[in-house]
C-alpha atoms as a PDB file:
ATOM      1  CA  MET A   1      -0.026  -0.249  -0.081  1.00  0.00           C
ATOM      2  CA  SER A   2       1.235   3.077  -0.860  1.00  0.00           C
ATOM      3  CA  LYS A   3       1.069   7.014   0.399  1.00  0.00           C
ATOM      4  CA  ILE A   4      -0.228   9.388  -1.989  1.00  0.00           C
ATOM      5  CA  LEU A   5      -0.659  13.146  -1.402  1.00  0.00           C
ATOM      6  CA  ILE A   6      -2.920  14.758  -4.600  1.00  0.00           C
ATOM      7  CA  LEU A   7      -3.138  18.308  -4.601  1.00  0.00           C
ATOM      8  CA  ASP A   8      -6.730  19.463  -5.670  1.00  0.00           C
ATOM      9  CA  GLY A   9      -8.178  16.139  -5.257  1.00  0.00           C
ATOM     10  CA  ASP A  10     -12.234  17.576  -5.588  1.00  0.00           C
ATOM     11  CA  GLU A  11     -11.135  18.568  -9.242  1.00  0.00           C
ATOM     12  CA  SER A  12     -11.630  16.084 -11.932  1.00  0.00           C
ATOM     13  CA  PHE A  13      -8.845  13.783 -12.251  1.00  0.00           C
ATOM     14  CA  GLY A  14      -7.982  14.081  -8.444  1.00  0.00           C
ATOM     15  CA  PHE A  15     -11.905  13.263  -7.449  1.00  0.00           C
ATOM     16  CA  ARG A  16     -11.803  10.276  -9.864  1.00  0.00           C
ATOM     17  CA  PHE A  17      -8.269   9.133  -9.175  1.00  0.00           C
ATOM     18  CA  ALA A  18      -8.994   8.883  -5.519  1.00  0.00           C
ATOM     19  CA  LYS A  19     -12.339   7.059  -6.049  1.00  0.00           C
ATOM     20  CA  ASP A  20     -10.498   4.264  -7.876  1.00  0.00           C
ATOM     21  CA  TYR A  21      -7.160   3.592  -6.332  1.00  0.00           C
ATOM     22  CA  GLY A  22      -8.270   4.759  -2.632  1.00  0.00           C
ATOM     23  CA  ASP A  23      -8.782   1.159  -1.366  1.00  0.00           C
ATOM     24  CA  ALA A  24      -5.466  -0.039  -2.537  1.00  0.00           C
ATOM     25  CA  ASN A  25      -3.534   3.355  -1.262  1.00  0.00           C
ATOM     26  CA  LYS A  26      -3.675   5.747   1.772  1.00  0.00           C
ATOM     27  CA  ILE A  27      -4.496   8.675  -0.409  1.00  0.00           C
ATOM     28  CA  GLN A  28      -4.677  12.118   1.118  1.00  0.00           C
ATOM     29  CA  SER A  29      -6.374  14.936  -0.303  1.00  0.00           C
ATOM     30  CA  LEU A  30      -5.641  18.543  -0.590  1.00  0.00           C
ATOM     31  CA  PHE A  31      -8.284  21.332  -1.765  1.00  0.00           C
ATOM     32  CA  PRO A  32      -7.725  24.892  -2.279  1.00  0.00           C
ATOM     33  CA  LEU A  33     -11.247  25.616  -1.476  1.00  0.00           C
ATOM     34  CA  LYS A  34     -10.409  28.341   1.289  1.00  0.00           C
ATOM     35  CA  GLY A  35      -7.981  30.046  -1.164  1.00  0.00           C
ATOM     36  CA  ILE A  36      -4.702  29.485  -2.599  1.00  0.00           C
ATOM     37  CA  GLU A  37      -2.794  31.175   0.397  1.00  0.00           C
ATOM     38  CA  LYS A  38      -4.161  28.944   2.835  1.00  0.00           C
ATOM     39  CA  PHE A  39      -4.079  26.254   0.721  1.00  0.00           C
ATOM     40  CA  ALA A  40      -0.296  26.804   0.570  1.00  0.00           C
ATOM     41  CA  GLU A  41      -0.267  26.811   3.973  1.00  0.00           C
ATOM     42  CA  SER A  42      -1.656  23.734   4.380  1.00  0.00           C
ATOM     43  CA  LEU A  43       0.585  22.128   1.887  1.00  0.00           C
ATOM     44  CA  MET A  44       3.997  23.165   3.869  1.00  0.00           C
ATOM     45  CA  GLU A  45       2.008  21.824   7.646  1.00  0.00           C
ATOM     46  CA  LEU A  46       1.996  18.452   5.704  1.00  0.00           C
ATOM     47  CA  HIS A  47       4.706  15.882   6.758  1.00  0.00           C
ATOM     48  CA  ASP A  48       7.288  14.667   4.485  1.00  0.00           C
ATOM     49  CA  ASP A  49       6.802  10.960   4.341  1.00  0.00           C
ATOM     50  CA  TYR A  50       4.147  10.231   0.977  1.00  0.00           C
ATOM     51  CA  ASP A  51       5.526   7.566  -1.750  1.00  0.00           C
ATOM     52  CA  PHE A  52       3.815  10.244  -4.175  1.00  0.00           C
ATOM     53  CA  ILE A  53       3.332  13.592  -4.402  1.00  0.00           C
ATOM     54  CA  ILE A  54       0.374  14.142  -7.295  1.00  0.00           C
ATOM     55  CA  ASN A  55       0.349  18.141  -8.135  1.00  0.00           C
ATOM     56  CA  ASN A  56      -3.113  18.183  -9.843  1.00  0.00           C
ATOM     57  CA  PHE A  57      -3.187  22.161  -8.933  1.00  0.00           C
ATOM     58  CA  ASP A  58      -4.131  23.945 -12.144  1.00  0.00           C
ATOM     59  CA  ILE A  59      -5.668  27.615 -12.661  1.00  0.00           C
ATOM     60  CA  PRO A  60      -7.221  27.132 -16.095  1.00  0.00           C
ATOM     61  CA  PHE A  61      -6.040  28.689 -19.498  1.00  0.00           C
ATOM     62  CA  TYR A  62      -8.733  31.130 -19.551  1.00  0.00           C
ATOM     63  CA  SER A  63      -8.334  32.491 -16.209  1.00  0.00           C
ATOM     64  CA  LYS A  64      -7.768  36.572 -16.913  1.00  0.00           C
ATOM     65  CA  ASN A  65      -6.103  36.802 -13.581  1.00  0.00           C
ATOM     66  CA  LYS A  66      -1.785  36.471 -14.353  1.00  0.00           C
ATOM     67  CA  ASN A  67      -0.767  36.179 -10.655  1.00  0.00           C
ATOM     68  CA  TYR A  68      -3.231  32.651  -9.815  1.00  0.00           C
ATOM     69  CA  ILE A  69      -2.112  31.481 -13.593  1.00  0.00           C
ATOM     70  CA  GLU A  70       1.676  31.804 -12.302  1.00  0.00           C
ATOM     71  CA  MET A  71       0.743  29.893  -9.384  1.00  0.00           C
ATOM     72  CA  ASN A  72       0.552  26.525 -12.010  1.00  0.00           C
ATOM     73  CA  TYR A  73       4.784  26.615 -11.052  1.00  0.00           C
ATOM     74  CA  GLY A  74       4.582  28.016  -7.855  1.00  0.00           C
ATOM     75  CA  ILE A  75       2.934  24.885  -6.164  1.00  0.00           C
ATOM     76  CA  GLN A  76       5.537  23.021  -7.604  1.00  0.00           C
ATOM     77  CA  GLY A  77       8.321  24.958  -6.108  1.00  0.00           C
ATOM     78  CA  LEU A  78       6.672  24.429  -2.538  1.00  0.00           C
ATOM     79  CA  ILE A  79       6.325  20.885  -3.557  1.00  0.00           C
ATOM     80  CA  ASN A  80       9.950  20.927  -4.353  1.00  0.00           C
ATOM     81  CA  GLU A  81      11.000  22.717  -1.173  1.00  0.00           C
ATOM     82  CA  LYS A  82       8.539  20.666   0.931  1.00  0.00           C
ATOM     83  CA  PHE A  83       8.921  17.215  -0.102  1.00  0.00           C
ATOM     84  CA  GLN A  84      12.501  15.930  -0.565  1.00  0.00           C
ATOM     85  CA  ASN A  85      11.111  12.119  -0.517  1.00  0.00           C
ATOM     86  CA  GLY A  86       8.598  10.318  -2.844  1.00  0.00           C
ATOM     87  CA  LYS A  87       8.226  10.786  -6.634  1.00  0.00           C
ATOM     88  CA  LYS A  88       6.761  13.810  -7.577  1.00  0.00           C
ATOM     89  CA  ILE A  89       4.135  13.693 -10.330  1.00  0.00           C
ATOM     90  CA  LEU A  90       3.151  16.941 -12.202  1.00  0.00           C
ATOM     91  CA  LEU A  91      -0.382  17.265 -14.089  1.00  0.00           C
ATOM     92  CA  SER A  92       1.096  19.488 -16.940  1.00  0.00           C
ATOM     93  CA  ASN A  93      -0.607  20.276 -19.840  1.00  0.00           C
ATOM     94  CA  GLN A  94      -0.679  20.578 -23.847  1.00  0.00           C
ATOM     95  CA  LEU A  95      -0.457  23.575 -23.949  1.00  0.00           C
ATOM     96  CA  VAL A  96       3.463  23.448 -23.074  1.00  0.00           C
ATOM     97  CA  TYR A  97       3.794  22.503 -26.998  1.00  0.00           C
ATOM     98  CA  SER A  98       4.674  24.863 -29.799  1.00  0.00           C
ATOM     99  CA  SER A  99       1.165  25.754 -31.739  1.00  0.00           C
ATOM    100  CA  SER A 100       1.209  24.024 -35.363  1.00  0.00           C
ATOM    101  CA  SER A 101      -1.104  21.580 -37.455  1.00  0.00           C
ATOM    102  CA  ALA A 102       0.751  18.918 -36.636  1.00  0.00           C
ATOM    103  CA  ILE A 103       0.207  16.572 -34.279  1.00  0.00           C
ATOM    104  CA  LYS A 104       2.746  17.041 -30.944  1.00  0.00           C
ATOM    105  CA  ASN A 105       4.305  13.933 -29.297  1.00  0.00           C
ATOM    106  CA  GLU A 106       6.626  13.923 -26.267  1.00  0.00           C
ATOM    107  CA  GLU A 107       9.314  15.030 -28.279  1.00  0.00           C
ATOM    108  CA  SER A 108       7.574  17.873 -30.155  1.00  0.00           C
ATOM    109  CA  ALA A 109       8.783  21.210 -29.787  1.00  0.00           C
ATOM    110  CA  THR A 110       7.628  23.059 -26.208  1.00  0.00           C
ATOM    111  CA  ILE A 111       7.722  27.106 -26.627  1.00  0.00           C
ATOM    112  CA  PRO A 112       4.457  28.052 -25.815  1.00  0.00           C
ATOM    113  CA  GLU A 113       2.449  30.874 -26.746  1.00  0.00           C
ATOM    114  CA  THR A 114       0.233  31.567 -24.052  1.00  0.00           C
ATOM    115  CA  GLU A 115       0.954  32.562 -20.472  1.00  0.00           C
ATOM    116  CA  TYR A 116      -0.895  29.709 -19.111  1.00  0.00           C
ATOM    117  CA  GLY A 117       1.405  27.005 -21.070  1.00  0.00           C
ATOM    118  CA  LYS A 118       4.577  28.857 -20.227  1.00  0.00           C
ATOM    119  CA  ALA A 119       3.682  28.713 -16.465  1.00  0.00           C
ATOM    120  CA  LYS A 120       3.055  25.102 -16.814  1.00  0.00           C
ATOM    121  CA  LEU A 121       6.398  24.693 -18.809  1.00  0.00           C
ATOM    122  CA  LYS A 122       8.183  26.556 -15.894  1.00  0.00           C
ATOM    123  CA  ALA A 123       6.614  23.998 -13.757  1.00  0.00           C
ATOM    124  CA  GLU A 124       7.614  21.199 -15.791  1.00  0.00           C
ATOM    125  CA  GLU A 125      11.314  22.584 -15.344  1.00  0.00           C
ATOM    126  CA  LEU A 126      10.936  22.513 -11.658  1.00  0.00           C
ATOM    127  CA  ALA A 127       9.615  19.074 -11.444  1.00  0.00           C
ATOM    128  CA  LYS A 128      12.726  17.845 -13.635  1.00  0.00           C
ATOM    129  CA  GLY A 129      14.828  19.098 -11.014  1.00  0.00           C
ATOM    130  CA  ASN A 130      13.493  16.245  -8.302  1.00  0.00           C
ATOM    131  CA  GLU A 131      15.634  13.248  -8.680  1.00  0.00           C
ATOM    132  CA  HIS A 132      12.305  11.088  -9.378  1.00  0.00           C
ATOM    133  CA  TYR A 133       9.411  12.563 -11.125  1.00  0.00           C
ATOM    134  CA  LEU A 134       7.113  11.977 -14.076  1.00  0.00           C
ATOM    135  CA  ILE A 135       5.184  14.720 -16.299  1.00  0.00           C
ATOM    136  CA  ILE A 136       1.586  13.785 -17.446  1.00  0.00           C
ATOM    137  CA  ARG A 137       1.246  16.386 -20.399  1.00  0.00           C
ATOM    138  CA  ARG A 138      -2.982  15.763 -20.029  1.00  0.00           C
ATOM    139  CA  GLY A 139      -6.178  16.972 -22.478  1.00  0.00           C
ATOM    140  CA  MET A 140      -8.857  19.030 -20.983  1.00  0.00           C
ATOM    141  CA  THR A 141     -10.494  16.888 -18.362  1.00  0.00           C
ATOM    142  CA  TYR A 142     -13.790  15.801 -18.285  1.00  0.00           C
ATOM    143  CA  GLY A 143     -15.826  13.513 -16.180  1.00  0.00           C
ATOM    144  CA  LYS A 144     -17.790  13.256 -12.746  1.00  0.00           C
ATOM    145  CA  CYS A 145     -16.556  15.110  -9.674  1.00  0.00           C
ATOM    146  CA  THR A 146     -17.154  17.802  -7.728  1.00  0.00           C
ATOM    147  CA  TYR A 147     -15.899  20.703  -9.822  1.00  0.00           C
ATOM    148  CA  ASN A 148     -14.300  21.915 -13.020  1.00  0.00           C
ATOM    149  CA  ILE A 149     -14.788  23.446 -16.205  1.00  0.00           C
ATOM    150  CA  TYR A 150     -17.251  20.734 -17.282  1.00  0.00           C
ATOM    151  CA  THR A 151     -19.454  20.775 -14.162  1.00  0.00           C
ATOM    152  CA  ASP A 152     -20.225  24.544 -14.988  1.00  0.00           C
ATOM    153  CA  ILE A 153     -20.936  23.565 -18.292  1.00  0.00           C
ATOM    154  CA  LEU A 154     -23.809  21.157 -17.157  1.00  0.00           C
ATOM    155  CA  ALA A 155     -24.610  23.505 -14.734  1.00  0.00           C
ATOM    156  CA  ALA A 156     -25.509  25.956 -17.619  1.00  0.00           C
ATOM    157  CA  ILE A 157     -27.199  23.261 -19.610  1.00  0.00           C
ATOM    158  CA  ARG A 158     -29.227  22.240 -17.213  1.00  0.00           C
ATOM    159  CA  SER A 159     -30.485  25.894 -16.117  1.00  0.00           C
ATOM    160  CA  LYS A 160     -30.146  26.778 -20.027  1.00  0.00           C
ATOM    161  CA  MET A 161     -28.390  29.923 -19.415  1.00  0.00           C
ATOM    162  CA  PRO A 162     -25.597  31.187 -22.222  1.00  0.00           C
ATOM    163  CA  ILE A 163     -21.866  30.616 -20.911  1.00  0.00           C
ATOM    164  CA  LYS A 164     -18.458  31.817 -22.368  1.00  0.00           C
ATOM    165  CA  LEU A 165     -16.375  29.545 -23.715  1.00  0.00           C
ATOM    166  CA  ASN A 166     -12.993  29.894 -25.483  1.00  0.00           C
ATOM    167  CA  ASN A 167     -13.081  29.166 -29.098  1.00  0.00           C
ATOM    168  CA  ASP A 168      -9.572  29.700 -30.296  1.00  0.00           C
ATOM    169  CA  ILE A 169      -7.389  27.033 -28.693  1.00  0.00           C
ATOM    170  CA  ILE A 170      -7.797  23.374 -30.380  1.00  0.00           C
ATOM    171  CA  ILE A 171      -7.161  21.009 -27.619  1.00  0.00           C
ATOM    172  CA  ASN A 172      -7.894  17.451 -26.938  1.00  0.00           C
ATOM    173  CA  PRO A 173     -10.714  16.294 -24.442  1.00  0.00           C
ATOM    174  CA  VAL A 174      -9.867  13.161 -21.770  1.00  0.00           C
ATOM    175  CA  LEU A 175     -12.303  11.389 -19.807  1.00  0.00           C
ATOM    176  CA  ASN A 176     -11.191  11.565 -16.156  1.00  0.00           C
ATOM    177  CA  SER A 177     -11.595   7.885 -15.538  1.00  0.00           C
ATOM    178  CA  ASP A 178      -8.935   7.394 -18.730  1.00  0.00           C
ATOM    179  CA  LEU A 179      -6.839   9.587 -17.260  1.00  0.00           C
ATOM    180  CA  SER A 180      -6.777   8.291 -13.648  1.00  0.00           C
ATOM    181  CA  ILE A 181      -5.824   4.739 -14.881  1.00  0.00           C
ATOM    182  CA  GLY A 182      -3.029   6.117 -17.287  1.00  0.00           C
ATOM    183  CA  VAL A 183      -1.723   8.261 -14.629  1.00  0.00           C
ATOM    184  CA  TYR A 184      -1.384   5.167 -12.125  1.00  0.00           C
ATOM    185  CA  LYS A 185       0.267   2.728 -14.407  1.00  0.00           C
ATOM    186  CA  ALA A 186       3.009   5.410 -15.610  1.00  0.00           C
ATOM    187  CA  MET A 187       3.827   6.541 -12.022  1.00  0.00           C
ATOM    188  CA  ARG A 188       4.326   3.089 -11.086  1.00  0.00           C
ATOM    189  CA  ASP A 189       6.347   2.064 -14.364  1.00  0.00           C
ATOM    190  CA  MET A 190       8.169   5.845 -15.256  1.00  0.00           C
ATOM    191  CA  ASP A 191      10.923   6.672 -12.648  1.00  0.00           C
ATOM    192  CA  ARG A 192      11.909  10.054 -14.851  1.00  0.00           C
ATOM    193  CA  GLY A 193       9.913  10.967 -17.801  1.00  0.00           C
ATOM    194  CA  ILE A 194       6.983  12.435 -19.695  1.00  0.00           C
ATOM    195  CA  ILE A 195       4.030  11.098 -21.527  1.00  0.00           C
ATOM    196  CA  ASN A 196       1.053  12.514 -23.186  1.00  0.00           C
ATOM    197  CA  ILE A 197      -2.203  11.261 -21.756  1.00  0.00           C
ATOM    198  CA  ALA A 198      -5.417  12.847 -23.792  1.00  0.00           C
ATOM    199  CA  GLY A 199      -8.294  11.249 -26.069  1.00  0.00           C
ATOM    200  CA  GLU A 200      -7.649  11.401 -29.442  1.00  0.00           C
ATOM    201  CA  GLU A 201     -10.921  13.780 -30.757  1.00  0.00           C
ATOM    202  CA  THR A 202     -10.023  17.743 -30.714  1.00  0.00           C
ATOM    203  CA  MET A 203     -12.063  20.618 -30.626  1.00  0.00           C
ATOM    204  CA  THR A 204     -12.170  24.075 -28.979  1.00  0.00           C
ATOM    205  CA  LEU A 205     -13.676  24.416 -25.401  1.00  0.00           C
ATOM    206  CA  TYR A 206     -16.669  26.207 -26.880  1.00  0.00           C
ATOM    207  CA  GLU A 207     -16.682  23.230 -29.504  1.00  0.00           C
ATOM    208  CA  PHE A 208     -16.922  20.902 -26.502  1.00  0.00           C
ATOM    209  CA  GLY A 209     -19.471  22.635 -24.811  1.00  0.00           C
ATOM    210  CA  ARG A 210     -21.968  22.627 -27.860  1.00  0.00           C
ATOM    211  CA  LYS A 211     -21.382  18.597 -28.037  1.00  0.00           C
ATOM    212  CA  LEU A 212     -22.610  18.442 -24.286  1.00  0.00           C
ATOM    213  CA  TYR A 213     -25.344  20.642 -24.893  1.00  0.00           C
ATOM    214  CA  TYR A 214     -26.937  19.033 -28.068  1.00  0.00           C
ATOM    215  CA  SER A 215     -26.371  15.011 -26.539  1.00  0.00           C
ATOM    216  CA  ILE A 216     -28.945  16.677 -23.765  1.00  0.00           C
ATOM    217  CA  ARG A 217     -31.308  19.298 -25.443  1.00  0.00           C
ATOM    218  CA  ASP A 218     -32.895  19.314 -28.907  1.00  0.00           C
ATOM    219  CA  GLU A 219     -32.945  23.351 -29.090  1.00  0.00           C
ATOM    220  CA  PRO A 220     -30.887  25.969 -29.748  1.00  0.00           C
ATOM    221  CA  CYS A 221     -27.404  25.983 -27.816  1.00  0.00           C
ATOM    222  CA  PRO A 222     -27.129  29.485 -25.952  1.00  0.00           C
ATOM    223  CA  PHE A 223     -23.288  29.441 -25.167  1.00  0.00           C
ATOM    224  CA  ILE A 224     -21.490  32.627 -26.262  1.00  0.00           C
ATOM    225  CA  LYS A 225     -17.819  31.832 -28.089  1.00  0.00           C
ATOM    226  CA  SER A 226     -14.752  33.925 -26.386  1.00  0.00           C
ATOM    227  CA  TYR A 227     -11.214  34.316 -27.371  1.00  0.00           C
ATOM    228  CA  LEU A 228      -7.632  34.724 -26.254  1.00  0.00           C
ATOM    229  CA  GLY A 229      -7.202  36.634 -29.737  1.00  0.00           C
ATOM    230  CA  GLN A 230      -4.867  33.934 -31.362  1.00  0.00           C
ATOM    231  CA  ASN A 231      -5.945  30.975 -33.230  1.00  0.00           C
ATOM    232  CA  LEU A 232      -3.700  27.931 -31.419  1.00  0.00           C
ATOM    233  CA  ASP A 233      -3.263  24.496 -32.712  1.00  0.00           C
ATOM    234  CA  TYR A 234      -2.078  22.241 -29.341  1.00  0.00           C
ATOM    235  CA  SER A 235      -3.327  19.004 -30.426  1.00  0.00           C
ATOM    236  CA  ILE A 236      -1.164  15.990 -29.211  1.00  0.00           C
ATOM    237  CA  ASP A 237      -0.849  12.301 -29.754  1.00  0.00           C
ATOM    238  CA  SER A 238      -1.414   9.926 -26.769  1.00  0.00           C
ATOM    239  CA  SER A 239       0.120   6.584 -29.019  1.00  0.00           C
ATOM    240  CA  ARG A 240       3.211   6.101 -26.703  1.00  0.00           C
ATOM    241  CA  ALA A 241       0.844   6.012 -23.543  1.00  0.00           C
ATOM    242  CA  GLU A 242      -1.531   3.661 -25.323  1.00  0.00           C
ATOM    243  CA  LYS A 243       1.053   0.840 -26.365  1.00  0.00           C
ATOM    244  CA  LEU A 244       2.683   1.193 -22.976  1.00  0.00           C
ATOM    245  CA  TYR A 245      -0.297   0.701 -20.572  1.00  0.00           C
ATOM    246  CA  GLY A 246      -2.894  -0.521 -23.030  1.00  0.00           C
ATOM    247  CA  LEU A 247      -5.151   2.554 -23.063  1.00  0.00           C
ATOM    248  CA  ASN A 248      -8.377   2.802 -24.796  1.00  0.00           C
ATOM    249  CA  PHE A 249      -9.980   6.173 -24.556  1.00  0.00           C
ATOM    250  CA  THR A 250     -13.475   7.143 -24.340  1.00  0.00           C
ATOM    251  CA  GLY A 251     -14.835   9.264 -27.187  1.00  0.00           C
ATOM    252  CA  LEU A 252     -17.639  11.681 -26.678  1.00  0.00           C
ATOM    253  CA  GLU A 253     -20.087   9.885 -28.699  1.00  0.00           C
ATOM    254  CA  VAL A 254     -20.305   6.918 -26.371  1.00  0.00           C
ATOM    255  CA  VAL A 255     -20.463   9.357 -23.022  1.00  0.00           C
ATOM    256  CA  ASP A 256     -23.991   9.296 -22.001  1.00  0.00           C
ATOM    257  CA  PHE A 257     -23.803  12.665 -20.163  1.00  0.00           C
ATOM    258  CA  MET A 258     -27.014  12.296 -19.212  1.00  0.00           C
ATOM    259  CA  ASP A 259     -26.070  10.210 -16.644  1.00  0.00           C
ATOM    260  CA  PHE A 260     -22.822  12.198 -16.279  1.00  0.00           C
ATOM    261  CA  GLN A 261     -23.789  14.541 -13.766  1.00  0.00           C
ATOM    262  CA  THR A 262     -21.732  15.636 -10.710  1.00  0.00           C
ATOM    263  CA  TYR A 263     -20.950  12.719  -8.901  1.00  0.00           C
ATOM    264  CA  LYS A 264     -22.721  12.430  -5.573  1.00  0.00           C
ATOM    265  CA  GLY A 265     -20.577   9.181  -4.045  1.00  0.00           C
ATOM    266  CA  ASN A 266     -23.166   5.857  -5.900  1.00  0.00           C
END
């Protein structure tokens, strides 16, 4: 039985990972529900006795607060400072790659065009300073959980309210249960390394929201397109993870979103 710390355990991946592997491991989740400052203080008060420290903390790319986005590497710095033992796993993001029409694999160039991507790449550089590390470059995570953009979209669908969603950055959605399996297998297999884990489908966040809306409602979608001002394509290739760990990524067309509401424990 391993002792595992998950930062931001209420968010989609952390929530699912704890549910999937909590019986076989001693998992502790740390939540930023009382603000980032309190979250950082709570982190530094923990004991350095974990086998794995999973940094799932994420201020999303569409955030307008640059200081918050910088915490995407600030939290990794605190992890490095606090925990001298245990393997560090960083949940990074596909936006660390350079935008192009080509599908990006783990060796592709990392010259990010967004402040978010730059912050995530800096977090990766900090993670690599550890003796044992694993970096997961993931797609946009969705699935049953307590909160993330997916639950915001579902709430907007239920209430028939408009929500602004980015429509100029192409990403790969990944179901949180698929990501959970991939991370668990990779963290026990790789001692130092980087791997992509995301579904094969590519779309903008706005297109993802519309797919969800029309899978549930047969009426005009009220969602609003928003833009960061750049047309960027961050499509990634996860074939290495598929081959190494036998992953079969779930496509949006097979997901029953009517039965995919916020997880309540059943």
